[in-house]
Amino acid sequence: MVRNYEILNEKVYSEKLENGLRVIIVPKPGFKKTFACFATKYGALINRFVPYGETDYLDVPLGIAHFLEHKMFEMPDGSDATDLFAKMGLDANALTNYLMTGYLFSGTANIKEGIELLLDFVQTPHLTEENVLKEQGIIAQELKMYMDDPNDALHLGLMKNLFRAYPLRYDVGGTLDSIIKITPEYLYKCYETFYHPSNMILIIVGDIDAIMSNSTNSHEMLLDLIRANQAKKVFKKPLDIRKNILVEDETANKSSGYAKMDISIPKVAVGLKLPFEKYEKNDAMMMELKMKVLLEATIGPTTDAFQEMLDLELITGNIYYDVYTDGICGFIKIQANTNKPKQFIAYIREKLLSLSNIKLEEEVFNRFKKSLLGNFLRALNNLDYIGYNYLEYSFKESDVFEAIGLFSKLNIEDLKALEKYFKVEAISDYTIIPKNMLFSKI
């Protein structure tokens, strides 16, 4: 199937193979680089599910999706897929977030060979007691590094304040206690359940004609290569995956919290919890975009509020915000370095609560809307951005290429639907202060 997005002058080829694998090809004529990613809809959100071929729910240790990602590069013959990609002149990597796990590479040559390797190493797991034990030590060091990073500690502290049980309160990598409980048996159960082709997407973004040395039916030739690779392998019958994820209301777990670390200036994050919601197609994507417009117009660097925070010395420089929804729950996070943490918290809380009655002038709304649209259009020149976001939003039942058309039609009245989220009970804050500072004195 081919779909044309005329407003963006983009074309996307999509096909579902016999084994259930969905293949997405995004031609980018003239681009030297190619990006490819093989991803499964399985991330840190899922820790309770019915394993393939079984009937009862299984609770697995936190961080197991990330752990499995680390082990997939080790192949049965003892080679490492990363080294094999490097010999081809390709840069390989992987990522695990709450929603998905992806294995990717990029480069300018040997793309067909890279695609074959990508499919092969992800579809040949090699898990032993010895290599799992070794990986536990590696990931433990990684987790300790994150724990020692003030920004990571700030984020995780805020998530624990916002969520009582939802997995966003835990690091994607799990905890030091959880990773030592991970076994090859657990890993194979996760792999066989979530790494079935029917739960996965392969996306390739680049100059397909150049890759296949053909200017007429290059996408079909590329699909033939992928079909042939998959036809050589035997897969079990696809089944509906039964998983259980705890969801929550809008009430934050705790209203405030703090920790001490070896820093010189306090760091503060104020968060708003987005509760469980039933999202239809493109809803999760549009929720994020609407919230970004609203926040940019409320506290962005060109607003009066931002200048006021500078004048009142509530911030020492930039202010950062993030809007996230995984298609189930989510959050807004506003973060800054400040020598006046309590005043900054009070100011941001007041701004957030004011959005329970949105009053935005048409001119201001259109200015920030155009700014966000411009940023998005510029990002479409980045192949990694296209590939990653297409996957991310696909797993959220959204189409990133439809964003421009939908966003262009957005008006102020559409933002009014967001007012219901801005409640006192949904807001929390978390502060990291220097070790020698008393929280009562800030």
Foldseek 3Di string as FASTA:
>chain_A
DKDALPVLRWIWDWDQDPLQAIEIETADPPDQKKKKKKKFQDFQQFQWWAFPPGDDIDGAFGQLVVLLLVQLQQAPVRDGLQVVCVVQVKHWDWDGDHTMTMTMIMDRDPVLVVVLSNVVSLPGGDFDQVVLVVSLVVLQVVVVVLCQDPVSVFLLVVLVQADPARSSNADRNHHNVRSVRDHPVVNVRCCLQTVRSSRMYMYMYYNQCVHQVHDPPSVVVSVVSVNVSPVVDDHDRDDDIGTDGDFDDLFTNHAEEEAEHADDFKKKKKKFKFGFDQDAAARQVVVQVLVVLVCCLQQNPVHPNVVVCVVVQQAPDDKDWGWDDQLTITMIMIMGTGNCHVVNNVSVLVSLLVLLPDDDDQVSSVVSLVVVLVVLSVCVVPNVSQVVVCVSSVSSNYGSSCCNVVSVPDGPVVSNVVSVRRDSRRMHMYMYHHPPDDPVVD
